[in-house]
Amino acid sequence: MARGRRRYPKRPILGVGAIILKRDRVLLVERAKSPLKGFWSLPGGVLETGEHLQEGICREVLEETGLVVEPLRVVTIFERIIRDGKGKPEYHYVLIDYLCRVTGGALQAADDVSRAVWVPRQALDRYRITEGTLPVIERAFRERARA
């Protein structure tokens, strides 16, 4: 989907995100473009027409981080609505976040991210993380501990 068509959408846009854990760390990317430029979030993006959810998450992670992943399960589904100064929805996403396992590749920021880093769980509060992302990460850590 063209980036310009994401602003002021006629209907919500479907996106996917990857929660990738490595021991006590989680993979975060710093967004290089609007919306949320400069914020840290999970790798992911907008699903393309005709693309299955799991195909989309694999494509987005590879494009943004250089990593090949296997989606394991859905952790959460949530909405992100960003309103303009007049209160009108400028962006409206429905996001499906998957727990994923790295199966190959080499970590390197690319596409629409500035940096991609493994962040220790205890250091997450030092990053400007997108709203709603921290609870998703914590949930994934808790679920992994129970498994």
N, C-alpha and C. Protein backbone atom coordinates (compact mmCIF):
# COMPACT_ATOMS: atom_id res chain seq x y z
N MET A 1 0.85 -1.18 0.00
CA MET A 1 0.00 0.00 0.00
C MET A 1 0.89 1.23 0.00
N ALA A 2 0.57 2.17 -0.88
CA ALA A 2 1.35 3.41 -0.95
C ALA A 2 1.27 4.15 0.37
N ARG A 3 2.42 4.64 0.83
CA ARG A 3 2.48 5.30 2.14
C ARG A 3 1.51 6.46 2.23
N GLY A 4 1.37 7.26 1.16
CA GLY A 4 0.47 8.40 1.18
C GLY A 4 -0.98 8.03 1.38
N ARG A 5 -1.37 6.83 0.94
CA ARG A 5 -2.75 6.39 1.08
C ARG A 5 -3.06 5.90 2.49
N ARG A 6 -2.05 5.82 3.32
CA ARG A 6 -2.27 5.40 4.70
C ARG A 6 -2.82 6.53 5.56
N ARG A 7 -2.56 7.76 5.16
CA ARG A 7 -3.06 8.91 5.92
C ARG A 7 -4.53 9.12 5.60
N TYR A 8 -5.29 9.39 6.63
CA TYR A 8 -6.73 9.61 6.53
C TYR A 8 -7.41 8.48 5.74
N PRO A 9 -7.25 7.24 6.21
CA PRO A 9 -7.81 6.11 5.48
C PRO A 9 -9.34 6.08 5.57
N LYS A 10 -9.95 5.48 4.56
CA LYS A 10 -11.40 5.31 4.55
C LYS A 10 -11.83 4.22 5.52
N ARG A 11 -10.92 3.28 5.77
CA ARG A 11 -11.19 2.19 6.71
C ARG A 11 -9.87 1.80 7.38
N PRO A 12 -9.92 1.07 8.49
CA PRO A 12 -8.68 0.67 9.16
C PRO A 12 -7.79 -0.16 8.24
N ILE A 13 -6.49 -0.05 8.45
CA ILE A 13 -5.48 -0.76 7.67
C ILE A 13 -4.93 -1.90 8.53
N LEU A 14 -4.80 -3.08 7.92
CA LEU A 14 -4.31 -4.26 8.64
C LEU A 14 -2.79 -4.31 8.62
N GLY A 15 -2.21 -4.43 9.81
CA GLY A 15 -0.76 -4.53 9.94
C GLY A 15 -0.37 -5.72 10.78
N VAL A 16 0.90 -6.13 10.65
CA VAL A 16 1.42 -7.26 11.43
C VAL A 16 2.72 -6.83 12.12
N GLY A 17 2.96 -7.41 13.28
CA GLY A 17 4.18 -7.12 14.02
C GLY A 17 4.80 -8.41 14.53
N ALA A 18 6.12 -8.39 14.73
CA ALA A 18 6.84 -9.58 15.18
C ALA A 18 7.46 -9.34 16.55
N ILE A 19 7.13 -10.22 17.48
CA ILE A 19 7.77 -10.22 18.79
C ILE A 19 8.83 -11.31 18.72
N ILE A 20 10.09 -10.88 18.73
CA ILE A 20 11.20 -11.82 18.58
C ILE A 20 12.05 -11.74 19.84
N LEU A 21 12.02 -12.81 20.62
CA LEU A 21 12.73 -12.85 21.90
C LEU A 21 14.00 -13.68 21.75
N LYS A 22 15.04 -13.25 22.44
CA LYS A 22 16.32 -13.96 22.46
C LYS A 22 16.82 -13.90 23.90
N ARG A 23 16.63 -15.00 24.62
CA ARG A 23 16.91 -15.05 26.05
C ARG A 23 16.13 -13.94 26.76
N ASP A 24 16.82 -12.96 27.37
CA ASP A 24 16.12 -11.89 28.09
C ASP A 24 16.00 -10.62 27.25
N ARG A 25 16.16 -10.74 25.93
CA ARG A 25 16.12 -9.56 25.06
C ARG A 25 15.00 -9.68 24.03
N VAL A 26 14.59 -8.52 23.53
CA VAL A 26 13.57 -8.44 22.48
C VAL A 26 14.12 -7.57 21.35
N LEU A 27 13.78 -7.92 20.13
CA LEU A 27 14.23 -7.14 18.98
C LEU A 27 13.32 -5.93 18.78
N LEU A 28 13.92 -4.74 18.79
CA LEU A 28 13.18 -3.51 18.51
C LEU A 28 13.80 -2.80 17.32
N VAL A 29 12.96 -2.06 16.60
CA VAL A 29 13.43 -1.24 15.49
C VAL A 29 13.04 0.20 15.73
N GLU A 30 13.90 1.11 15.29
CA GLU A 30 13.59 2.54 15.39
C GLU A 30 12.99 2.96 14.05
N ARG A 31 11.78 3.50 14.10
CA ARG A 31 11.06 3.90 12.90
C ARG A 31 11.73 5.11 12.26
N ALA A 32 11.95 5.05 10.94
CA ALA A 32 12.62 6.13 10.21
C ALA A 32 11.64 7.03 9.48
N LYS A 33 10.36 6.63 9.41
CA LYS A 33 9.36 7.40 8.67
C LYS A 33 8.10 7.57 9.50
N SER A 34 7.30 8.53 9.11
CA SER A 34 6.01 8.75 9.77
C SER A 34 5.05 7.64 9.38
N PRO A 35 4.09 7.29 10.21
CA PRO A 35 3.91 7.86 11.54
C PRO A 35 4.92 7.26 12.53
N LEU A 36 5.10 7.93 13.61
CA LEU A 36 5.94 7.45 14.71
C LEU A 36 7.43 7.42 14.41
N LYS A 37 7.88 8.32 13.55
CA LYS A 37 9.31 8.44 13.26
C LYS A 37 10.06 8.71 14.56
N GLY A 38 11.17 7.98 14.75
CA GLY A 38 11.98 8.16 15.95
C GLY A 38 11.56 7.31 17.13
N PHE A 39 10.40 6.68 17.04
CA PHE A 39 9.94 5.79 18.11
C PHE A 39 10.47 4.38 17.85
N TRP A 40 10.60 3.62 18.93
CA TRP A 40 11.00 2.22 18.84
C TRP A 40 9.76 1.35 18.88
N SER A 41 9.76 0.30 18.07
CA SER A 41 8.62 -0.61 18.04
C SER A 41 9.07 -1.99 17.60
N LEU A 42 8.11 -2.87 17.49
CA LEU A 42 8.37 -4.21 16.96
C LEU A 42 8.53 -4.12 15.45
N PRO A 43 9.34 -4.97 14.85
CA PRO A 43 9.39 -5.00 13.39
C PRO A 43 8.02 -5.39 12.84
N GLY A 44 7.66 -4.81 11.72
CA GLY A 44 6.37 -5.16 11.11
C GLY A 44 5.91 -4.08 10.17
N GLY A 45 4.73 -4.26 9.64
CA GLY A 45 4.18 -3.29 8.71
C GLY A 45 2.84 -3.72 8.17
N VAL A 46 2.48 -3.14 7.04
CA VAL A 46 1.16 -3.33 6.45
C VAL A 46 1.13 -4.58 5.58
N LEU A 47 0.06 -5.32 5.72
CA LEU A 47 -0.17 -6.50 4.90
C LEU A 47 -0.49 -6.08 3.47
N GLU A 48 0.04 -6.80 2.50
CA GLU A 48 -0.25 -6.51 1.09
C GLU A 48 -1.46 -7.32 0.64
N THR A 49 -2.18 -6.82 -0.34
CA THR A 49 -3.34 -7.52 -0.88
C THR A 49 -2.92 -8.90 -1.39
N GLY A 50 -3.67 -9.93 -1.00
CA GLY A 50 -3.40 -11.29 -1.42
C GLY A 50 -2.36 -12.01 -0.58
N GLU A 51 -1.82 -11.33 0.42
CA GLU A 51 -0.77 -11.90 1.26
C GLU A 51 -1.39 -12.46 2.54
N HIS A 52 -1.02 -13.68 2.90
CA HIS A 52 -1.47 -14.27 4.16
C HIS A 52 -0.74 -13.57 5.31
N LEU A 53 -1.35 -13.59 6.50
CA LEU A 53 -0.77 -12.93 7.66
C LEU A 53 0.67 -13.38 7.92
N GLN A 54 0.89 -14.68 7.92
CA GLN A 54 2.23 -15.18 8.23
C GLN A 54 3.23 -14.84 7.13
N GLU A 55 2.79 -14.78 5.89
CA GLU A 55 3.67 -14.35 4.80
C GLU A 55 4.06 -12.89 5.01
N GLY A 56 3.09 -12.08 5.40
CA GLY A 56 3.34 -10.66 5.62
C GLY A 56 4.33 -10.41 6.73
N ILE A 57 4.20 -11.14 7.83
CA ILE A 57 5.13 -10.92 8.94
C ILE A 57 6.54 -11.35 8.54
N CYS A 58 6.65 -12.46 7.81
CA CYS A 58 7.98 -12.90 7.35
C CYS A 58 8.60 -11.87 6.41
N ARG A 59 7.82 -11.35 5.49
CA ARG A 59 8.33 -10.35 4.54
C ARG A 59 8.77 -9.09 5.26
N GLU A 60 7.93 -8.58 6.15
CA GLU A 60 8.24 -7.33 6.86
C GLU A 60 9.50 -7.47 7.72
N VAL A 61 9.62 -8.57 8.44
CA VAL A 61 10.81 -8.76 9.28
C VAL A 61 12.06 -8.83 8.42
N LEU A 62 12.00 -9.56 7.31
CA LEU A 62 13.16 -9.66 6.42
C LEU A 62 13.51 -8.29 5.85
N GLU A 63 12.51 -7.54 5.39
CA GLU A 63 12.76 -6.21 4.81
C GLU A 63 13.37 -5.25 5.82
N GLU A 64 12.88 -5.29 7.06
CA GLU A 64 13.32 -4.30 8.05
C GLU A 64 14.58 -4.71 8.82
N THR A 65 14.82 -6.01 8.96
CA THR A 65 15.90 -6.44 9.84
C THR A 65 16.91 -7.40 9.20
N GLY A 66 16.60 -7.96 8.05
CA GLY A 66 17.48 -8.94 7.44
C GLY A 66 17.35 -10.34 8.03
N LEU A 67 16.43 -10.51 8.98
CA LEU A 67 16.25 -11.81 9.62
C LEU A 67 15.13 -12.61 8.97
N VAL A 68 15.33 -13.91 8.92
CA VAL A 68 14.30 -14.84 8.46
C VAL A 68 13.65 -15.40 9.72
N VAL A 69 12.31 -15.36 9.77
CA VAL A 69 11.61 -15.82 10.97
C VAL A 69 10.54 -16.84 10.63
N GLU A 70 10.16 -17.56 11.67
CA GLU A 70 9.02 -18.47 11.61
C GLU A 70 7.98 -17.94 12.60
N PRO A 71 6.80 -17.53 12.12
CA PRO A 71 5.75 -17.10 13.05
C PRO A 71 5.24 -18.32 13.83
N LEU A 72 5.15 -18.18 15.16
CA LEU A 72 4.74 -19.29 16.01
C LEU A 72 3.27 -19.20 16.41
N ARG A 73 2.87 -18.03 16.91
CA ARG A 73 1.47 -17.86 17.33
C ARG A 73 1.15 -16.39 17.51
N VAL A 74 -0.14 -16.08 17.46
CA VAL A 74 -0.61 -14.72 17.71
C VAL A 74 -0.52 -14.45 19.21
N VAL A 75 0.06 -13.31 19.57
CA VAL A 75 0.13 -12.90 20.97
C VAL A 75 -1.00 -11.93 21.29
N THR A 76 -1.27 -11.00 20.36
CA THR A 76 -2.34 -10.03 20.61
C THR A 76 -2.80 -9.39 19.31
N ILE A 77 -3.99 -8.83 19.38
CA ILE A 77 -4.56 -8.02 18.30
C ILE A 77 -5.00 -6.72 18.95
N PHE A 78 -4.57 -5.59 18.39
CA PHE A 78 -4.99 -4.30 18.95
C PHE A 78 -5.06 -3.24 17.87
N GLU A 79 -5.63 -2.11 18.24
CA GLU A 79 -5.76 -0.98 17.31
C GLU A 79 -4.80 0.13 17.69
N ARG A 80 -4.33 0.84 16.68
CA ARG A 80 -3.57 2.07 16.90
C ARG A 80 -4.23 3.14 16.06
N ILE A 81 -4.79 4.13 16.74
CA ILE A 81 -5.43 5.26 16.06
C ILE A 81 -4.65 6.51 16.43
N ILE A 82 -4.14 7.20 15.43
CA ILE A 82 -3.41 8.45 15.63
C ILE A 82 -4.25 9.56 15.04
N ARG A 83 -4.64 10.50 15.89
CA ARG A 83 -5.52 11.59 15.45
C ARG A 83 -4.72 12.85 15.15
N ASP A 84 -5.24 13.64 14.22
CA ASP A 84 -4.60 14.91 13.89
C ASP A 84 -5.00 15.97 14.91
N GLY A 85 -4.57 17.19 14.71
CA GLY A 85 -4.85 18.28 15.64
C GLY A 85 -6.33 18.60 15.79
N LYS A 86 -7.14 18.18 14.84
CA LYS A 86 -8.59 18.42 14.90
C LYS A 86 -9.36 17.22 15.43
N GLY A 87 -8.62 16.17 15.81
CA GLY A 87 -9.26 14.98 16.36
C GLY A 87 -9.69 13.95 15.32
N LYS A 88 -9.41 14.22 14.06
CA LYS A 88 -9.78 13.29 12.99
C LYS A 88 -8.72 12.18 12.89
N PRO A 89 -9.14 10.91 12.70
CA PRO A 89 -8.16 9.83 12.57
C PRO A 89 -7.25 10.03 11.35
N GLU A 90 -5.98 10.32 11.62
CA GLU A 90 -5.01 10.50 10.54
C GLU A 90 -4.45 9.14 10.10
N TYR A 91 -4.29 8.25 11.07
CA TYR A 91 -3.87 6.87 10.81
C TYR A 91 -4.75 5.96 11.66
N HIS A 92 -5.14 4.82 11.11
CA HIS A 92 -5.93 3.85 11.87
C HIS A 92 -5.51 2.45 11.43
N TYR A 93 -4.81 1.76 12.34
CA TYR A 93 -4.31 0.42 12.06
C TYR A 93 -4.95 -0.59 12.99
N VAL A 94 -5.22 -1.78 12.49
CA VAL A 94 -5.51 -2.95 13.30
C VAL A 94 -4.26 -3.82 13.18
N LEU A 95 -3.63 -4.10 14.31
CA LEU A 95 -2.33 -4.77 14.32
C LEU A 95 -2.42 -6.15 14.96
N ILE A 96 -1.83 -7.12 14.28
CA ILE A 96 -1.78 -8.49 14.78
C ILE A 96 -0.31 -8.80 15.05
N ASP A 97 0.01 -9.03 16.32
CA ASP A 97 1.40 -9.29 16.71
C ASP A 97 1.62 -10.78 16.94
N TYR A 98 2.64 -11.31 16.26
CA TYR A 98 3.01 -12.72 16.33
C TYR A 98 4.30 -12.89 17.12
N LEU A 99 4.35 -13.93 17.93
CA LEU A 99 5.62 -14.37 18.49
C LEU A 99 6.33 -15.12 17.37
N CYS A 100 7.59 -14.77 17.12
CA CYS A 100 8.34 -15.37 16.01
C CYS A 100 9.68 -15.91 16.51
N ARG A 101 10.19 -16.87 15.76
CA ARG A 101 11.49 -17.47 16.04
C ARG A 101 12.41 -17.21 14.86
N VAL A 102 13.63 -16.77 15.13
CA VAL A 102 14.61 -16.52 14.07
C VAL A 102 15.12 -17.86 13.54
N THR A 103 15.11 -17.99 12.21
CA THR A 103 15.61 -19.22 11.58
C THR A 103 16.79 -18.97 10.66
N GLY A 104 17.12 -17.68 10.42
CA GLY A 104 18.25 -17.38 9.54
C GLY A 104 18.43 -15.89 9.36
N GLY A 105 19.36 -15.54 8.49
CA GLY A 105 19.63 -14.14 8.20
C GLY A 105 20.62 -13.53 9.17
N ALA A 106 20.91 -12.25 8.94
CA ALA A 106 21.82 -11.49 9.80
C ALA A 106 21.18 -10.14 10.09
N LEU A 107 21.20 -9.74 11.36
CA LEU A 107 20.54 -8.50 11.77
C LEU A 107 21.19 -7.28 11.13
N GLN A 108 20.37 -6.53 10.41
CA GLN A 108 20.81 -5.28 9.78
C GLN A 108 19.58 -4.43 9.50
N ALA A 109 19.57 -3.20 10.01
CA ALA A 109 18.44 -2.30 9.78
C ALA A 109 18.34 -1.97 8.30
N ALA A 110 17.13 -1.98 7.78
CA ALA A 110 16.91 -1.69 6.36
C ALA A 110 15.49 -1.18 6.18
N ASP A 111 15.12 -0.91 4.95
CA ASP A 111 13.78 -0.46 4.56
C ASP A 111 13.42 0.82 5.30
N ASP A 112 12.39 0.82 6.12
CA ASP A 112 11.94 2.06 6.76
C ASP A 112 12.29 2.12 8.25
N VAL A 113 13.41 1.49 8.64
CA VAL A 113 13.89 1.60 10.02
C VAL A 113 15.31 2.15 10.04
N SER A 114 15.63 2.92 11.09
CA SER A 114 16.97 3.50 11.24
C SER A 114 17.93 2.54 11.91
N ARG A 115 17.41 1.85 12.94
CA ARG A 115 18.24 0.93 13.71
C ARG A 115 17.40 -0.29 14.11
N ALA A 116 18.08 -1.40 14.28
CA ALA A 116 17.46 -2.63 14.79
C ALA A 116 18.40 -3.18 15.86
N VAL A 117 17.89 -3.33 17.08
CA VAL A 117 18.75 -3.75 18.19
C VAL A 117 18.04 -4.74 19.10
N TRP A 118 18.84 -5.61 19.73
CA TRP A 118 18.34 -6.49 20.77
C TRP A 118 18.38 -5.72 22.08
N VAL A 119 17.23 -5.51 22.70
CA VAL A 119 17.13 -4.71 23.92
C VAL A 119 16.86 -5.63 25.11
N PRO A 120 17.71 -5.56 26.15
CA PRO A 120 17.44 -6.34 27.36
C PRO A 120 16.10 -5.93 27.98
N ARG A 121 15.40 -6.90 28.49
CA ARG A 121 14.08 -6.64 29.10
C ARG A 121 14.16 -5.54 30.15
N GLN A 122 15.20 -5.57 30.97
CA GLN A 122 15.33 -4.58 32.05
C GLN A 122 15.69 -3.19 31.54
N ALA A 123 16.04 -3.04 30.25
CA ALA A 123 16.41 -1.73 29.70
C ALA A 123 15.31 -1.12 28.82
N LEU A 124 14.17 -1.76 28.73
CA LEU A 124 13.11 -1.27 27.84
C LEU A 124 12.65 0.14 28.20
N ASP A 125 12.71 0.50 29.48
CA ASP A 125 12.24 1.82 29.90
C ASP A 125 13.16 2.95 29.42
N ARG A 126 14.31 2.62 28.86
CA ARG A 126 15.24 3.63 28.34
C ARG A 126 14.95 4.00 26.89
N TYR A 127 13.99 3.32 26.29
CA TYR A 127 13.65 3.55 24.88
C TYR A 127 12.28 4.21 24.77
N ARG A 128 12.15 5.06 23.77
CA ARG A 128 10.85 5.71 23.51
C ARG A 128 10.05 4.75 22.63
N ILE A 129 9.29 3.88 23.29
CA ILE A 129 8.58 2.79 22.63
C ILE A 129 7.16 3.23 22.31
N THR A 130 6.68 2.81 21.14
CA THR A 130 5.33 3.17 20.71
C THR A 130 4.30 2.71 21.74
N GLU A 131 3.26 3.53 21.87
CA GLU A 131 2.20 3.26 22.82
C GLU A 131 1.59 1.88 22.57
N GLY A 132 1.40 1.14 23.65
CA GLY A 132 0.77 -0.17 23.56
C GLY A 132 1.74 -1.32 23.29
N THR A 133 2.98 -1.01 22.95
CA THR A 133 3.94 -2.07 22.59
C THR A 133 4.54 -2.74 23.82
N LEU A 134 4.84 -1.99 24.85
CA LEU A 134 5.47 -2.57 26.05
C LEU A 134 4.61 -3.67 26.68
N PRO A 135 3.30 -3.48 26.86
CA PRO A 135 2.49 -4.57 27.42
C PRO A 135 2.50 -5.83 26.56
N VAL A 136 2.59 -5.66 25.25
CA VAL A 136 2.65 -6.81 24.34
C VAL A 136 3.95 -7.58 24.55
N ILE A 137 5.05 -6.85 24.67
CA ILE A 137 6.35 -7.48 24.91
C ILE A 137 6.34 -8.23 26.24
N GLU A 138 5.84 -7.58 27.28
CA GLU A 138 5.80 -8.21 28.60
C GLU A 138 4.92 -9.46 28.58
N ARG A 139 3.81 -9.40 27.86
CA ARG A 139 2.94 -10.57 27.75
C ARG A 139 3.68 -11.73 27.09
N ALA A 140 4.44 -11.44 26.04
CA ALA A 140 5.20 -12.49 25.35
C ALA A 140 6.24 -13.11 26.27
N PHE A 141 6.93 -12.29 27.06
CA PHE A 141 7.91 -12.83 28.02
C PHE A 141 7.21 -13.73 29.05
N ARG A 142 6.05 -13.28 29.56
CA ARG A 142 5.32 -14.09 30.55
C ARG A 142 4.85 -15.41 29.95
N GLU A 143 4.30 -15.36 28.74
CA GLU A 143 3.81 -16.58 28.09
C GLU A 143 4.95 -17.55 27.83
N ARG A 144 6.09 -17.03 27.44
CA ARG A 144 7.24 -17.89 27.18
C ARG A 144 7.68 -18.58 28.47
N ALA A 145 7.65 -17.85 29.58
CA ALA A 145 8.06 -18.41 30.87
C ALA A 145 7.12 -19.54 31.31
N ARG A 146 5.84 -19.44 30.94
CA ARG A 146 4.86 -20.47 31.31
C ARG A 146 4.94 -21.70 30.41
N ALA A 147 5.50 -21.53 29.23
CA ALA A 147 5.52 -22.65 28.26
C ALA A 147 6.52 -23.72 28.63
